[in-house]
Amino acid sequence: MTKKDKQTEEVMLEIRLLPRASSPRIKISAEGILHIAVTAPPIDNAANQALISLLAKILKKPKNSIQLVAGLRSRNKRIKISQANKEEVMKSLELFSGNKP
């Protein structure tokens, strides 16, 4: 028997971060941009850390597999998720947002 290799794909997400929200939520725009709200303020990197923690929880991935590659001080972010499948990532995000996959 041959063991199946894990698919080690990197997924890039374009995100518009909304800090200081009343509760965490996700909205997926028609353009494919994720609007993610977090409760943390945009002070001392707290909102970025809250974003990574929220994505890790939703995707059931370790925090170190999610990396902020652009937008450290901007609301527009680019996130790289290591060892992930694009379809599975989007399905998990859609389920959290309440949209049907």
N, C-alpha and C. Protein backbone atom coordinates (compact mmCIF):
# COMPACT_ATOMS: atom_id res chain seq x y z
N MET A 1 0.83 -1.18 0.00
CA MET A 1 0.00 0.00 0.00
C MET A 1 0.87 1.25 0.00
N THR A 2 0.43 2.21 -0.73
CA THR A 2 1.15 3.47 -0.79
C THR A 2 0.46 4.49 0.09
N LYS A 3 1.27 5.18 0.87
CA LYS A 3 0.72 6.21 1.74
C LYS A 3 0.53 7.48 0.93
N LYS A 4 -0.63 8.11 1.08
CA LYS A 4 -0.91 9.35 0.36
C LYS A 4 -0.15 10.51 0.99
N ASP A 5 0.55 11.30 0.18
CA ASP A 5 1.26 12.47 0.69
C ASP A 5 0.26 13.58 1.00
N LYS A 6 0.57 14.32 2.06
CA LYS A 6 -0.28 15.47 2.40
C LYS A 6 -0.08 16.55 1.35
N GLN A 7 -1.17 17.19 1.01
CA GLN A 7 -1.10 18.28 0.05
C GLN A 7 -0.58 19.52 0.78
N THR A 8 0.58 20.01 0.35
CA THR A 8 1.20 21.16 1.01
C THR A 8 1.10 22.38 0.11
N GLU A 9 -0.06 22.93 0.09
CA GLU A 9 -0.36 24.08 -0.73
C GLU A 9 -0.36 25.33 0.16
N GLU A 10 -0.03 26.47 -0.42
CA GLU A 10 -0.13 27.73 0.32
C GLU A 10 -1.32 28.50 -0.23
N VAL A 11 -2.16 28.98 0.66
CA VAL A 11 -3.35 29.73 0.27
C VAL A 11 -3.13 31.19 0.66
N MET A 12 -3.38 32.08 -0.29
CA MET A 12 -3.28 33.52 -0.03
C MET A 12 -4.69 34.10 0.04
N LEU A 13 -4.95 34.91 1.06
CA LEU A 13 -6.25 35.54 1.23
C LEU A 13 -6.10 37.06 1.26
N GLU A 14 -7.00 37.75 0.57
CA GLU A 14 -7.08 39.21 0.63
C GLU A 14 -8.15 39.53 1.68
N ILE A 15 -7.78 40.31 2.67
CA ILE A 15 -8.67 40.57 3.80
C ILE A 15 -8.77 42.07 4.06
N ARG A 16 -9.97 42.50 4.37
CA ARG A 16 -10.21 43.87 4.86
C ARG A 16 -10.57 43.71 6.33
N LEU A 17 -9.68 44.15 7.22
CA LEU A 17 -9.85 43.97 8.66
C LEU A 17 -10.64 45.13 9.26
N LEU A 18 -11.61 44.78 10.09
CA LEU A 18 -12.43 45.77 10.78
C LEU A 18 -12.24 45.59 12.29
N PRO A 19 -11.34 46.38 12.91
CA PRO A 19 -11.09 46.24 14.35
C PRO A 19 -12.20 46.88 15.18
N ARG A 20 -12.18 46.59 16.47
CA ARG A 20 -13.12 47.14 17.45
C ARG A 20 -14.58 46.84 17.12
N ALA A 21 -14.85 45.67 16.61
CA ALA A 21 -16.22 45.26 16.33
C ALA A 21 -16.86 44.74 17.62
N SER A 22 -18.18 44.68 17.62
CA SER A 22 -18.87 44.17 18.81
C SER A 22 -18.69 42.66 18.96
N SER A 23 -18.52 41.97 17.83
CA SER A 23 -18.27 40.52 17.85
C SER A 23 -17.52 40.13 16.59
N PRO A 24 -16.77 39.02 16.63
CA PRO A 24 -16.06 38.57 15.43
C PRO A 24 -17.05 38.10 14.37
N ARG A 25 -16.81 38.51 13.14
CA ARG A 25 -17.67 38.06 12.04
C ARG A 25 -16.92 38.15 10.72
N ILE A 26 -17.45 37.43 9.73
CA ILE A 26 -16.84 37.40 8.40
C ILE A 26 -17.92 37.65 7.37
N LYS A 27 -17.60 38.48 6.39
CA LYS A 27 -18.48 38.71 5.25
C LYS A 27 -17.61 38.55 4.01
N ILE A 28 -18.11 37.82 3.03
CA ILE A 28 -17.36 37.60 1.79
C ILE A 28 -18.00 38.45 0.71
N SER A 29 -17.23 39.38 0.13
CA SER A 29 -17.77 40.27 -0.89
C SER A 29 -17.85 39.56 -2.24
N ALA A 30 -18.57 40.17 -3.16
CA ALA A 30 -18.71 39.61 -4.51
C ALA A 30 -17.36 39.56 -5.23
N GLU A 31 -16.44 40.46 -4.86
CA GLU A 31 -15.11 40.48 -5.47
C GLU A 31 -14.19 39.43 -4.88
N GLY A 32 -14.65 38.72 -3.86
CA GLY A 32 -13.84 37.68 -3.23
C GLY A 32 -12.98 38.17 -2.09
N ILE A 33 -13.20 39.41 -1.67
CA ILE A 33 -12.44 39.95 -0.54
C ILE A 33 -13.17 39.59 0.75
N LEU A 34 -12.42 39.14 1.72
CA LEU A 34 -12.99 38.80 3.01
C LEU A 34 -12.99 40.03 3.90
N HIS A 35 -14.14 40.37 4.44
CA HIS A 35 -14.25 41.45 5.42
C HIS A 35 -14.37 40.75 6.77
N ILE A 36 -13.32 40.86 7.57
CA ILE A 36 -13.29 40.17 8.86
C ILE A 36 -13.26 41.20 9.98
N ALA A 37 -14.22 41.07 10.89
CA ALA A 37 -14.29 41.95 12.05
C ALA A 37 -13.75 41.23 13.28
N VAL A 38 -12.94 41.94 14.04
CA VAL A 38 -12.41 41.42 15.31
C VAL A 38 -12.70 42.44 16.41
N THR A 39 -12.75 41.97 17.63
CA THR A 39 -13.07 42.87 18.75
C THR A 39 -11.87 43.67 19.24
N ALA A 40 -10.68 43.25 18.90
CA ALA A 40 -9.46 43.92 19.38
C ALA A 40 -9.27 45.28 18.71
N PRO A 41 -8.67 46.23 19.42
CA PRO A 41 -8.38 47.53 18.82
C PRO A 41 -7.11 47.46 17.96
N PRO A 42 -6.95 48.42 17.06
CA PRO A 42 -5.76 48.42 16.21
C PRO A 42 -4.56 49.06 16.91
N ILE A 43 -4.27 48.60 18.11
CA ILE A 43 -3.18 49.16 18.91
C ILE A 43 -2.20 48.05 19.26
N ASP A 44 -0.91 48.33 19.11
CA ASP A 44 0.15 47.37 19.45
C ASP A 44 -0.05 46.01 18.80
N ASN A 45 -0.49 46.00 17.56
CA ASN A 45 -0.63 44.76 16.78
C ASN A 45 -1.75 43.84 17.30
N ALA A 46 -2.59 44.33 18.20
CA ALA A 46 -3.63 43.49 18.81
C ALA A 46 -4.65 43.00 17.79
N ALA A 47 -5.06 43.86 16.86
CA ALA A 47 -6.05 43.46 15.86
C ALA A 47 -5.47 42.41 14.91
N ASN A 48 -4.20 42.55 14.54
CA ASN A 48 -3.57 41.55 13.68
C ASN A 48 -3.49 40.19 14.38
N GLN A 49 -3.12 40.21 15.66
CA GLN A 49 -3.05 38.97 16.42
C GLN A 49 -4.44 38.34 16.59
N ALA A 50 -5.45 39.17 16.78
CA ALA A 50 -6.82 38.66 16.89
C ALA A 50 -7.27 38.04 15.58
N LEU A 51 -6.87 38.65 14.46
CA LEU A 51 -7.20 38.10 13.14
C LEU A 51 -6.57 36.72 12.97
N ILE A 52 -5.30 36.59 13.29
CA ILE A 52 -4.60 35.31 13.16
C ILE A 52 -5.22 34.26 14.08
N SER A 53 -5.55 34.65 15.30
CA SER A 53 -6.18 33.72 16.24
C SER A 53 -7.55 33.26 15.74
N LEU A 54 -8.34 34.19 15.21
CA LEU A 54 -9.66 33.84 14.69
C LEU A 54 -9.55 32.89 13.51
N LEU A 55 -8.64 33.19 12.58
CA LEU A 55 -8.46 32.31 11.42
C LEU A 55 -7.98 30.92 11.85
N ALA A 56 -7.06 30.88 12.81
CA ALA A 56 -6.56 29.59 13.30
C ALA A 56 -7.68 28.77 13.91
N LYS A 57 -8.55 29.42 14.66
CA LYS A 57 -9.67 28.72 15.29
C LYS A 57 -10.66 28.21 14.23
N ILE A 58 -11.02 29.05 13.28
CA ILE A 58 -11.99 28.66 12.25
C ILE A 58 -11.44 27.54 11.38
N LEU A 59 -10.17 27.65 10.98
CA LEU A 59 -9.57 26.69 10.05
C LEU A 59 -8.98 25.48 10.75
N LYS A 60 -8.96 25.50 12.10
CA LYS A 60 -8.38 24.41 12.89
C LYS A 60 -6.93 24.16 12.48
N LYS A 61 -6.18 25.26 12.43
CA LYS A 61 -4.75 25.23 12.08
C LYS A 61 -3.96 25.87 13.22
N PRO A 62 -2.70 25.50 13.36
CA PRO A 62 -1.87 26.19 14.36
C PRO A 62 -1.61 27.63 13.92
N LYS A 63 -1.47 28.52 14.88
CA LYS A 63 -1.25 29.94 14.57
C LYS A 63 0.01 30.15 13.73
N ASN A 64 1.03 29.31 13.93
CA ASN A 64 2.27 29.51 13.18
C ASN A 64 2.15 29.12 11.71
N SER A 65 1.02 28.55 11.28
CA SER A 65 0.82 28.25 9.86
C SER A 65 0.12 29.39 9.14
N ILE A 66 -0.25 30.44 9.89
CA ILE A 66 -0.94 31.60 9.32
C ILE A 66 -0.02 32.80 9.48
N GLN A 67 0.30 33.43 8.35
CA GLN A 67 1.28 34.51 8.36
C GLN A 67 0.73 35.75 7.67
N LEU A 68 0.93 36.91 8.29
CA LEU A 68 0.58 38.19 7.70
C LEU A 68 1.73 38.60 6.79
N VAL A 69 1.49 38.66 5.48
CA VAL A 69 2.57 38.97 4.54
C VAL A 69 2.51 40.40 4.03
N ALA A 70 1.37 41.07 4.16
CA ALA A 70 1.25 42.47 3.73
C ALA A 70 0.15 43.14 4.53
N GLY A 71 0.35 44.42 4.83
CA GLY A 71 -0.68 45.20 5.50
C GLY A 71 -0.56 45.26 7.00
N LEU A 72 0.65 45.26 7.51
CA LEU A 72 0.86 45.29 8.96
C LEU A 72 0.13 46.47 9.62
N ARG A 73 0.19 47.63 9.00
CA ARG A 73 -0.42 48.84 9.57
C ARG A 73 -1.60 49.34 8.74
N SER A 74 -2.17 48.49 7.94
CA SER A 74 -3.28 48.86 7.07
C SER A 74 -4.48 47.97 7.37
N ARG A 75 -5.65 48.42 7.00
CA ARG A 75 -6.83 47.56 7.14
C ARG A 75 -6.86 46.48 6.06
N ASN A 76 -6.21 46.75 4.94
CA ASN A 76 -6.14 45.77 3.86
C ASN A 76 -4.95 44.86 4.11
N LYS A 77 -5.21 43.57 4.21
CA LYS A 77 -4.19 42.60 4.59
C LYS A 77 -4.08 41.50 3.54
N ARG A 78 -2.91 40.90 3.49
CA ARG A 78 -2.70 39.68 2.71
C ARG A 78 -2.17 38.64 3.68
N ILE A 79 -2.88 37.52 3.75
CA ILE A 79 -2.56 36.44 4.68
C ILE A 79 -2.16 35.21 3.89
N LYS A 80 -1.09 34.54 4.35
CA LYS A 80 -0.66 33.27 3.75
C LYS A 80 -0.93 32.17 4.76
N ILE A 81 -1.61 31.12 4.29
CA ILE A 81 -1.89 29.96 5.14
C ILE A 81 -1.13 28.78 4.55
N SER A 82 -0.22 28.23 5.33
CA SER A 82 0.61 27.10 4.88
C SER A 82 -0.13 25.79 5.07
N GLN A 83 0.22 24.83 4.24
CA GLN A 83 -0.33 23.47 4.30
C GLN A 83 -1.85 23.49 4.36
N ALA A 84 -2.43 24.15 3.37
CA ALA A 84 -3.89 24.28 3.33
C ALA A 84 -4.39 24.06 1.91
N ASN A 85 -5.66 23.78 1.81
CA ASN A 85 -6.33 23.59 0.54
C ASN A 85 -7.31 24.75 0.36
N LYS A 86 -7.24 25.45 -0.77
CA LYS A 86 -8.06 26.65 -1.01
C LYS A 86 -9.55 26.37 -0.83
N GLU A 87 -10.02 25.24 -1.37
CA GLU A 87 -11.45 24.92 -1.29
C GLU A 87 -11.88 24.70 0.17
N GLU A 88 -11.06 23.99 0.93
CA GLU A 88 -11.39 23.74 2.34
C GLU A 88 -11.37 25.02 3.16
N VAL A 89 -10.40 25.89 2.89
CA VAL A 89 -10.31 27.16 3.59
C VAL A 89 -11.56 27.99 3.33
N MET A 90 -11.94 28.13 2.06
CA MET A 90 -13.10 28.94 1.72
C MET A 90 -14.39 28.33 2.28
N LYS A 91 -14.48 27.02 2.27
CA LYS A 91 -15.67 26.36 2.82
C LYS A 91 -15.80 26.65 4.32
N SER A 92 -14.70 26.56 5.05
CA SER A 92 -14.72 26.84 6.49
C SER A 92 -15.09 28.29 6.77
N LEU A 93 -14.55 29.22 5.98
CA LEU A 93 -14.86 30.64 6.17
C LEU A 93 -16.32 30.94 5.83
N GLU A 94 -16.83 30.31 4.78
CA GLU A 94 -18.24 30.50 4.41
C GLU A 94 -19.17 29.95 5.48
N LEU A 95 -18.81 28.80 6.06
CA LEU A 95 -19.63 28.24 7.13
C LEU A 95 -19.66 29.17 8.34
N PHE A 96 -18.51 29.74 8.69
CA PHE A 96 -18.45 30.66 9.83
C PHE A 96 -19.26 31.93 9.54
N SER A 97 -19.21 32.39 8.28
CA SER A 97 -19.91 33.63 7.93
C SER A 97 -21.42 33.44 7.82
N GLY A 98 -21.85 32.19 7.71
CA GLY A 98 -23.28 31.93 7.56
C GLY A 98 -23.71 31.79 6.12
N ASN A 99 -22.78 31.98 5.17
CA ASN A 99 -23.09 31.78 3.76
C ASN A 99 -23.05 30.31 3.43
N LYS A 100 -23.85 29.89 2.49
CA LYS A 100 -23.83 28.49 2.09
C LYS A 100 -22.66 28.27 1.15
N PRO A 101 -21.89 27.17 1.35
CA PRO A 101 -20.75 26.90 0.47
C PRO A 101 -21.18 26.48 -0.91
